[in-house]
Amino acid sequence: MSKEKYNTLFKLVKKTINEWDPIGVLPDAPDDEYEFEVAQIVTLLNKADTEEALSEGLAEIFNKALGCHYTVEECLPIARKIRILTE
């Protein structure tokens, strides 16, 4: 993936995740609060070939990084939104 493509995807995913705000800390937290997870999601976009696979990845990323307990079903609407924005 080119650096330009990565940066474009990063911005789109970051905006989506910040709007979702999975642990409810924005706008009080720094704008880069979820950038570590966003970078993982952008990498995952190349591997996850379905919305369900992306949703599984989102649940795993946020559950491990932030101690959340999201299910695949709970992450599916976000996965769909990310897929639509990044296709």
PDB file of N, CA and C in Angstrom:
ATOM      1  N   MET A   1       0.857  -1.169   0.000  1.00  0.00           N
ATOM      2  CA  MET A   1       0.000   0.000   0.000  1.00  0.00           C
ATOM      3  C   MET A   1       0.905   1.235   0.000  1.00  0.00           C
ATOM      4  N   SER A   2       0.569   2.184  -0.842  1.00  0.00           N
ATOM      5  CA  SER A   2       1.367   3.414  -0.902  1.00  0.00           C
ATOM      6  C   SER A   2       1.132   4.250   0.354  1.00  0.00           C
ATOM      7  N   LYS A   3       2.088   5.108   0.622  1.00  0.00           N
ATOM      8  CA  LYS A   3       1.970   5.990   1.789  1.00  0.00           C
ATOM      9  C   LYS A   3       0.750   6.910   1.646  1.00  0.00           C
ATOM     10  N   GLU A   4       0.510   7.375   0.431  1.00  0.00           N
ATOM     11  CA  GLU A   4      -0.643   8.245   0.187  1.00  0.00           C
ATOM     12  C   GLU A   4      -1.954   7.507   0.467  1.00  0.00           C
ATOM     13  N   LYS A   5      -2.054   6.259  -0.017  1.00  0.00           N
ATOM     14  CA  LYS A   5      -3.249   5.448   0.211  1.00  0.00           C
ATOM     15  C   LYS A   5      -3.426   5.182   1.713  1.00  0.00           C
ATOM     16  N   TYR A   6      -2.326   4.836   2.382  1.00  0.00           N
ATOM     17  CA  TYR A   6      -2.375   4.582   3.824  1.00  0.00           C
ATOM     18  C   TYR A   6      -2.879   5.821   4.563  1.00  0.00           C
ATOM     19  N   ASN A   7      -2.339   6.984   4.242  1.00  0.00           N
ATOM     20  CA  ASN A   7      -2.735   8.222   4.914  1.00  0.00           C
ATOM     21  C   ASN A   7      -4.208   8.541   4.687  1.00  0.00           C
ATOM     22  N   THR A   8      -4.685   8.295   3.477  1.00  0.00           N
ATOM     23  CA  THR A   8      -6.099   8.532   3.171  1.00  0.00           C
ATOM     24  C   THR A   8      -6.983   7.596   3.999  1.00  0.00           C
ATOM     25  N   LEU A   9      -6.638   6.317   4.007  1.00  0.00           N
ATOM     26  CA  LEU A   9      -7.406   5.350   4.789  1.00  0.00           C
ATOM     27  C   LEU A   9      -7.342   5.677   6.277  1.00  0.00           C
ATOM     28  N   PHE A  10      -6.169   6.073   6.744  1.00  0.00           N
ATOM     29  CA  PHE A  10      -6.003   6.412   8.160  1.00  0.00           C
ATOM     30  C   PHE A  10      -6.953   7.533   8.560  1.00  0.00           C
ATOM     31  N   LYS A  11      -7.033   8.566   7.740  1.00  0.00           N
ATOM     32  CA  LYS A  11      -7.910   9.707   8.053  1.00  0.00           C
ATOM     33  C   LYS A  11      -9.370   9.284   8.080  1.00  0.00           C
ATOM     34  N   LEU A  12      -9.778   8.466   7.113  1.00  0.00           N
ATOM     35  CA  LEU A  12     -11.175   8.015   7.062  1.00  0.00           C
ATOM     36  C   LEU A  12     -11.525   7.130   8.263  1.00  0.00           C
ATOM     37  N   VAL A  13     -10.637   6.202   8.580  1.00  0.00           N
ATOM     38  CA  VAL A  13     -10.882   5.303   9.710  1.00  0.00           C
ATOM     39  C   VAL A  13     -10.848   6.083  11.019  1.00  0.00           C
ATOM     40  N   LYS A  14      -9.896   6.996  11.158  1.00  0.00           N
ATOM     41  CA  LYS A  14      -9.796   7.791  12.383  1.00  0.00           C
ATOM     42  C   LYS A  14     -11.072   8.593  12.616  1.00  0.00           C
ATOM     43  N   LYS A  15     -11.582   9.210  11.575  1.00  0.00           N
ATOM     44  CA  LYS A  15     -12.816   9.995  11.700  1.00  0.00           C
ATOM     45  C   LYS A  15     -13.969   9.097  12.162  1.00  0.00           C
ATOM     46  N   THR A  16     -14.069   7.920  11.574  1.00  0.00           N
ATOM     47  CA  THR A  16     -15.140   6.986  11.925  1.00  0.00           C
ATOM     48  C   THR A  16     -15.016   6.513  13.371  1.00  0.00           C
ATOM     49  N   ILE A  17     -13.817   6.146  13.776  1.00  0.00           N
ATOM     50  CA  ILE A  17     -13.608   5.660  15.146  1.00  0.00           C
ATOM     51  C   ILE A  17     -13.812   6.793  16.153  1.00  0.00           C
ATOM     52  N   ASN A  18     -13.337   7.980  15.834  1.00  0.00           N
ATOM     53  CA  ASN A  18     -13.549   9.110  16.748  1.00  0.00           C
ATOM     54  C   ASN A  18     -15.030   9.433  16.898  1.00  0.00           C
ATOM     55  N   GLU A  19     -15.795   9.320  15.821  1.00  0.00           N
ATOM     56  CA  GLU A  19     -17.247   9.553  15.911  1.00  0.00           C
ATOM     57  C   GLU A  19     -17.904   8.479  16.777  1.00  0.00           C
ATOM     58  N   TRP A  20     -17.452   7.258  16.636  1.00  0.00           N
ATOM     59  CA  TRP A  20     -17.978   6.147  17.443  1.00  0.00           C
ATOM     60  C   TRP A  20     -17.567   6.327  18.908  1.00  0.00           C
ATOM     61  N   ASP A  21     -16.309   6.695  19.124  1.00  0.00           N
ATOM     62  CA  ASP A  21     -15.758   6.928  20.462  1.00  0.00           C
ATOM     63  C   ASP A  21     -16.048   5.735  21.385  1.00  0.00           C
ATOM     64  N   PRO A  22     -15.399   4.599  21.111  1.00  0.00           N
ATOM     65  CA  PRO A  22     -15.756   3.352  21.799  1.00  0.00           C
ATOM     66  C   PRO A  22     -15.643   3.347  23.316  1.00  0.00           C
ATOM     67  N   ILE A  23     -14.846   4.227  23.893  1.00  0.00           N
ATOM     68  CA  ILE A  23     -14.797   4.259  25.367  1.00  0.00           C
ATOM     69  C   ILE A  23     -15.326   5.577  25.927  1.00  0.00           C
ATOM     70  N   GLY A  24     -15.918   6.396  25.068  1.00  0.00           N
ATOM     71  CA  GLY A  24     -16.611   7.598  25.518  1.00  0.00           C
ATOM     72  C   GLY A  24     -15.737   8.655  26.156  1.00  0.00           C
ATOM     73  N   VAL A  25     -14.557   8.902  25.596  1.00  0.00           N
ATOM     74  CA  VAL A  25     -13.654   9.893  26.187  1.00  0.00           C
ATOM     75  C   VAL A  25     -13.524  11.187  25.377  1.00  0.00           C
ATOM     76  N   LEU A  26     -14.038  11.182  24.171  1.00  0.00           N
ATOM     77  CA  LEU A  26     -13.949  12.391  23.347  1.00  0.00           C
ATOM     78  C   LEU A  26     -15.176  13.257  23.599  1.00  0.00           C
ATOM     79  N   PRO A  27     -15.077  14.537  23.579  1.00  0.00           N
ATOM     80  CA  PRO A  27     -13.976  15.383  23.115  1.00  0.00           C
ATOM     81  C   PRO A  27     -12.968  15.741  24.201  1.00  0.00           C
ATOM     82  N   ASP A  28     -13.087  15.184  25.401  1.00  0.00           N
ATOM     83  CA  ASP A  28     -12.183  15.562  26.489  1.00  0.00           C
ATOM     84  C   ASP A  28     -10.770  15.002  26.325  1.00  0.00           C
ATOM     85  N   ALA A  29     -10.626  13.892  25.641  1.00  0.00           N
ATOM     86  CA  ALA A  29      -9.313  13.278  25.425  1.00  0.00           C
ATOM     87  C   ALA A  29      -8.644  13.903  24.200  1.00  0.00           C
ATOM     88  N   PRO A  30      -7.344  13.679  24.047  1.00  0.00           N
ATOM     89  CA  PRO A  30      -6.655  14.200  22.870  1.00  0.00           C
ATOM     90  C   PRO A  30      -7.211  13.598  21.578  1.00  0.00           C
ATOM     91  N   ASP A  31      -7.093  14.342  20.488  1.00  0.00           N
ATOM     92  CA  ASP A  31      -7.596  13.899  19.187  1.00  0.00           C
ATOM     93  C   ASP A  31      -6.934  12.605  18.725  1.00  0.00           C
ATOM     94  N   ASP A  32      -5.762  12.303  19.239  1.00  0.00           N
ATOM     95  CA  ASP A  32      -5.052  11.090  18.821  1.00  0.00           C
ATOM     96  C   ASP A  32      -5.339   9.890  19.731  1.00  0.00           C
ATOM     97  N   GLU A  33      -6.369   9.963  20.512  1.00  0.00           N
ATOM     98  CA  GLU A  33      -6.693   8.932  21.506  1.00  0.00           C
ATOM     99  C   GLU A  33      -6.714   7.522  20.919  1.00  0.00           C
ATOM    100  N   TYR A  34      -7.254   7.354  19.728  1.00  0.00           N
ATOM    101  CA  TYR A  34      -7.423   6.022  19.139  1.00  0.00           C
ATOM    102  C   TYR A  34      -6.457   5.748  17.989  1.00  0.00           C
ATOM    103  N   GLU A  35      -5.418   6.539  17.821  1.00  0.00           N
ATOM    104  CA  GLU A  35      -4.540   6.381  16.654  1.00  0.00           C
ATOM    105  C   GLU A  35      -3.826   5.032  16.621  1.00  0.00           C
ATOM    106  N   PHE A  36      -3.456   4.480  17.755  1.00  0.00           N
ATOM    107  CA  PHE A  36      -2.824   3.158  17.778  1.00  0.00           C
ATOM    108  C   PHE A  36      -3.777   2.114  17.195  1.00  0.00           C
ATOM    109  N   GLU A  37      -5.024   2.155  17.630  1.00  0.00           N
ATOM    110  CA  GLU A  37      -6.029   1.209  17.133  1.00  0.00           C
ATOM    111  C   GLU A  37      -6.359   1.473  15.669  1.00  0.00           C
ATOM    112  N   VAL A  38      -6.419   2.743  15.282  1.00  0.00           N
ATOM    113  CA  VAL A  38      -6.701   3.096  13.884  1.00  0.00           C
ATOM    114  C   VAL A  38      -5.627   2.509  12.975  1.00  0.00           C
ATOM    115  N   ALA A  39      -4.371   2.605  13.359  1.00  0.00           N
ATOM    116  CA  ALA A  39      -3.289   2.041  12.548  1.00  0.00           C
ATOM    117  C   ALA A  39      -3.476   0.531  12.380  1.00  0.00           C
ATOM    118  N   GLN A  40      -3.892  -0.149  13.424  1.00  0.00           N
ATOM    119  CA  GLN A  40      -4.151  -1.588  13.333  1.00  0.00           C
ATOM    120  C   GLN A  40      -5.318  -1.879  12.401  1.00  0.00           C
ATOM    121  N   ILE A  41      -6.340  -1.042  12.445  1.00  0.00           N
ATOM    122  CA  ILE A  41      -7.512  -1.236  11.591  1.00  0.00           C
ATOM    123  C   ILE A  41      -7.142  -1.031  10.132  1.00  0.00           C
ATOM    124  N   VAL A  42      -6.349  -0.015   9.841  1.00  0.00           N
ATOM    125  CA  VAL A  42      -5.934   0.233   8.450  1.00  0.00           C
ATOM    126  C   VAL A  42      -5.170  -0.978   7.921  1.00  0.00           C
ATOM    127  N   THR A  43      -4.303  -1.547   8.726  1.00  0.00           N
ATOM    128  CA  THR A  43      -3.580  -2.753   8.319  1.00  0.00           C
ATOM    129  C   THR A  43      -4.548  -3.911   8.120  1.00  0.00           C
ATOM    130  N   LEU A  44      -5.526  -4.020   8.991  1.00  0.00           N
ATOM    131  CA  LEU A  44      -6.529  -5.079   8.907  1.00  0.00           C
ATOM    132  C   LEU A  44      -7.357  -4.989   7.625  1.00  0.00           C
ATOM    133  N   LEU A  45      -7.566  -3.787   7.110  1.00  0.00           N
ATOM    134  CA  LEU A  45      -8.381  -3.619   5.903  1.00  0.00           C
ATOM    135  C   LEU A  45      -7.844  -4.432   4.733  1.00  0.00           C
ATOM    136  N   ASN A  46      -6.543  -4.636   4.664  1.00  0.00           N
ATOM    137  CA  ASN A  46      -5.952  -5.442   3.587  1.00  0.00           C
ATOM    138  C   ASN A  46      -6.204  -6.927   3.762  1.00  0.00           C
ATOM    139  N   LYS A  47      -6.462  -7.357   4.992  1.00  0.00           N
ATOM    140  CA  LYS A  47      -6.621  -8.783   5.294  1.00  0.00           C
ATOM    141  C   LYS A  47      -8.085  -9.207   5.408  1.00  0.00           C
ATOM    142  N   ALA A  48      -8.909  -8.331   5.925  1.00  0.00           N
ATOM    143  CA  ALA A  48     -10.315  -8.663   6.180  1.00  0.00           C
ATOM    144  C   ALA A  48     -11.110  -8.489   4.894  1.00  0.00           C
ATOM    145  N   ASP A  49     -11.545  -9.597   4.316  1.00  0.00           N
ATOM    146  CA  ASP A  49     -12.227  -9.525   3.030  1.00  0.00           C
ATOM    147  C   ASP A  49     -13.743  -9.427   3.131  1.00  0.00           C
ATOM    148  N   THR A  50     -14.277  -9.455   4.347  1.00  0.00           N
ATOM    149  CA  THR A  50     -15.716  -9.294   4.544  1.00  0.00           C
ATOM    150  C   THR A  50     -15.962  -8.332   5.702  1.00  0.00           C
ATOM    151  N   GLU A  51     -17.181  -7.831   5.773  1.00  0.00           N
ATOM    152  CA  GLU A  51     -17.553  -6.974   6.901  1.00  0.00           C
ATOM    153  C   GLU A  51     -17.467  -7.744   8.213  1.00  0.00           C
ATOM    154  N   GLU A  52     -17.824  -9.018   8.162  1.00  0.00           N
ATOM    155  CA  GLU A  52     -17.781  -9.839   9.369  1.00  0.00           C
ATOM    156  C   GLU A  52     -16.342 -10.003   9.861  1.00  0.00           C
ATOM    157  N   ALA A  53     -15.420 -10.225   8.940  1.00  0.00           N
ATOM    158  CA  ALA A  53     -14.014 -10.365   9.320  1.00  0.00           C
ATOM    159  C   ALA A  53     -13.475  -9.056   9.892  1.00  0.00           C
ATOM    160  N   LEU A  54     -13.870  -7.946   9.287  1.00  0.00           N
ATOM    161  CA  LEU A  54     -13.460  -6.640   9.798  1.00  0.00           C
ATOM    162  C   LEU A  54     -14.059  -6.408  11.188  1.00  0.00           C
ATOM    163  N   SER A  55     -15.306  -6.792  11.368  1.00  0.00           N
ATOM    164  CA  SER A  55     -15.965  -6.648  12.661  1.00  0.00           C
ATOM    165  C   SER A  55     -15.266  -7.484  13.736  1.00  0.00           C
ATOM    166  N   GLU A  56     -14.872  -8.700  13.387  1.00  0.00           N
ATOM    167  CA  GLU A  56     -14.121  -9.544  14.319  1.00  0.00           C
ATOM    168  C   GLU A  56     -12.809  -8.864  14.703  1.00  0.00           C
ATOM    169  N   GLY A  57     -12.142  -8.295  13.717  1.00  0.00           N
ATOM    170  CA  GLY A  57     -10.889  -7.601  13.971  1.00  0.00           C
ATOM    171  C   GLY A  57     -11.077  -6.386  14.864  1.00  0.00           C
ATOM    172  N   LEU A  58     -12.133  -5.622  14.613  1.00  0.00           N
ATOM    173  CA  LEU A  58     -12.422  -4.446  15.440  1.00  0.00           C
ATOM    174  C   LEU A  58     -12.652  -4.853  16.887  1.00  0.00           C
ATOM    175  N   ALA A  59     -13.454  -5.879  17.095  1.00  0.00           N
ATOM    176  CA  ALA A  59     -13.730  -6.351  18.458  1.00  0.00           C
ATOM    177  C   ALA A  59     -12.434  -6.770  19.135  1.00  0.00           C
ATOM    178  N   GLU A  60     -11.610  -7.519  18.429  1.00  0.00           N
ATOM    179  CA  GLU A  60     -10.347  -7.984  19.009  1.00  0.00           C
ATOM    180  C   GLU A  60      -9.421  -6.812  19.342  1.00  0.00           C
ATOM    181  N   ILE A  61      -9.296  -5.874  18.412  1.00  0.00           N
ATOM    182  CA  ILE A  61      -8.413  -4.718  18.619  1.00  0.00           C
ATOM    183  C   ILE A  61      -8.843  -3.916  19.849  1.00  0.00           C
ATOM    184  N   PHE A  62     -10.113  -3.554  19.908  1.00  0.00           N
ATOM    185  CA  PHE A  62     -10.573  -2.714  21.012  1.00  0.00           C
ATOM    186  C   PHE A  62     -10.650  -3.467  22.336  1.00  0.00           C
ATOM    187  N   ASN A  63     -10.986  -4.732  22.286  1.00  0.00           N
ATOM    188  CA  ASN A  63     -11.034  -5.504  23.521  1.00  0.00           C
ATOM    189  C   ASN A  63      -9.640  -5.674  24.120  1.00  0.00           C
ATOM    190  N   LYS A  64      -8.646  -5.911  23.285  1.00  0.00           N
ATOM    191  CA  LYS A  64      -7.278  -6.075  23.786  1.00  0.00           C
ATOM    192  C   LYS A  64      -6.670  -4.745  24.210  1.00  0.00           C
ATOM    193  N   ALA A  65      -6.810  -3.732  23.365  1.00  0.00           N
ATOM    194  CA  ALA A  65      -6.127  -2.457  23.621  1.00  0.00           C
ATOM    195  C   ALA A  65      -6.771  -1.649  24.742  1.00  0.00           C
ATOM    196  N   LEU A  66      -8.082  -1.711  24.848  1.00  0.00           N
ATOM    197  CA  LEU A  66      -8.778  -0.823  25.765  1.00  0.00           C
ATOM    198  C   LEU A  66      -9.530  -1.544  26.873  1.00  0.00           C
ATOM    199  N   GLY A  67      -9.442  -2.860  26.885  1.00  0.00           N
ATOM    200  CA  GLY A  67     -10.127  -3.620  27.922  1.00  0.00           C
ATOM    201  C   GLY A  67     -11.640  -3.602  27.783  1.00  0.00           C
ATOM    202  N   CYS A  68     -12.104  -3.396  26.572  1.00  0.00           N
ATOM    203  CA  CYS A  68     -13.550  -3.381  26.312  1.00  0.00           C
ATOM    204  C   CYS A  68     -14.062  -4.816  26.196  1.00  0.00           C
ATOM    205  N   HIS A  69     -15.360  -4.939  26.049  1.00  0.00           N
ATOM    206  CA  HIS A  69     -15.982  -6.250  25.885  1.00  0.00           C
ATOM    207  C   HIS A  69     -16.963  -6.198  24.720  1.00  0.00           C
ATOM    208  N   TYR A  70     -16.491  -5.675  23.584  1.00  0.00           N
ATOM    209  CA  TYR A  70     -17.344  -5.576  22.408  1.00  0.00           C
ATOM    210  C   TYR A  70     -17.495  -6.932  21.739  1.00  0.00           C
ATOM    211  N   THR A  71     -18.695  -7.199  21.267  1.00  0.00           N
ATOM    212  CA  THR A  71     -18.941  -8.413  20.491  1.00  0.00           C
ATOM    213  C   THR A  71     -18.780  -8.089  19.014  1.00  0.00           C
ATOM    214  N   VAL A  72     -18.670  -9.133  18.223  1.00  0.00           N
ATOM    215  CA  VAL A  72     -18.584  -8.967  16.772  1.00  0.00           C
ATOM    216  C   VAL A  72     -19.845  -8.258  16.269  1.00  0.00           C
ATOM    217  N   GLU A  73     -20.980  -8.608  16.827  1.00  0.00           N
ATOM    218  CA  GLU A  73     -22.245  -7.996  16.405  1.00  0.00           C
ATOM    219  C   GLU A  73     -22.273  -6.504  16.718  1.00  0.00           C
ATOM    220  N   GLU A  74     -21.746  -6.121  17.860  1.00  0.00           N
ATOM    221  CA  GLU A  74     -21.711  -4.703  18.221  1.00  0.00           C
ATOM    222  C   GLU A  74     -20.791  -3.896  17.310  1.00  0.00           C
ATOM    223  N   CYS A  75     -19.764  -4.523  16.798  1.00  0.00           N
ATOM    224  CA  CYS A  75     -18.805  -3.831  15.928  1.00  0.00           C
ATOM    225  C   CYS A  75     -19.219  -3.837  14.459  1.00  0.00           C
ATOM    226  N   LEU A  76     -20.201  -4.641  14.108  1.00  0.00           N
ATOM    227  CA  LEU A  76     -20.599  -4.769  12.706  1.00  0.00           C
ATOM    228  C   LEU A  76     -21.036  -3.450  12.066  1.00  0.00           C
ATOM    229  N   PRO A  77     -21.837  -2.605  12.731  1.00  0.00           N
ATOM    230  CA  PRO A  77     -22.203  -1.326  12.093  1.00  0.00           C
ATOM    231  C   PRO A  77     -20.985  -0.443  11.800  1.00  0.00           C
ATOM    232  N   ILE A  78     -19.990  -0.470  12.665  1.00  0.00           N
ATOM    233  CA  ILE A  78     -18.777   0.315  12.444  1.00  0.00           C
ATOM    234  C   ILE A  78     -17.979  -0.286  11.302  1.00  0.00           C
ATOM    235  N   ALA A  79     -17.904  -1.607  11.260  1.00  0.00           N
ATOM    236  CA  ALA A  79     -17.202  -2.284  10.163  1.00  0.00           C
ATOM    237  C   ALA A  79     -17.855  -1.938   8.826  1.00  0.00           C
ATOM    238  N   ARG A  80     -19.176  -1.934   8.789  1.00  0.00           N
ATOM    239  CA  ARG A  80     -19.895  -1.580   7.548  1.00  0.00           C
ATOM    240  C   ARG A  80     -19.579  -0.151   7.127  1.00  0.00           C
ATOM    241  N   LYS A  81     -19.596   0.748   8.088  1.00  0.00           N
ATOM    242  CA  LYS A  81     -19.315   2.155   7.783  1.00  0.00           C
ATOM    243  C   LYS A  81     -17.888   2.325   7.258  1.00  0.00           C
ATOM    244  N   ILE A  82     -16.941   1.653   7.886  1.00  0.00           N
ATOM    245  CA  ILE A  82     -15.545   1.733   7.436  1.00  0.00           C
ATOM    246  C   ILE A  82     -15.423   1.146   6.031  1.00  0.00           C
ATOM    247  N   ARG A  83     -16.048   0.033   5.769  1.00  0.00           N
ATOM    248  CA  ARG A  83     -16.012  -0.593   4.430  1.00  0.00           C
ATOM    249  C   ARG A  83     -16.559   0.364   3.374  1.00  0.00           C
ATOM    250  N   ILE A  84     -17.683   0.973   3.646  1.00  0.00           N
ATOM    251  CA  ILE A  84     -18.300   1.900   2.689  1.00  0.00           C
ATOM    252  C   ILE A  84     -17.378   3.084   2.407  1.00  0.00           C
ATOM    253  N   LEU A  85     -16.797   3.644   3.448  1.00  0.00           N
ATOM    254  CA  LEU A  85     -15.944   4.813   3.288  1.00  0.00           C
ATOM    255  C   LEU A  85     -14.618   4.512   2.608  1.00  0.00           C
ATOM    256  N   THR A  86     -14.134   3.284   2.731  1.00  0.00           N
ATOM    257  CA  THR A  86     -12.796   2.977   2.240  1.00  0.00           C
ATOM    258  C   THR A  86     -12.782   2.191   0.925  1.00  0.00           C
ATOM    259  N   GLU A  87     -13.939   1.916   0.365  1.00  0.00           N
ATOM    260  CA  GLU A  87     -13.956   1.172  -0.900  1.00  0.00           C
ATOM    261  C   GLU A  87     -13.808   2.109  -2.075  1.00  0.00           C
TER     262      GLU A  87
END
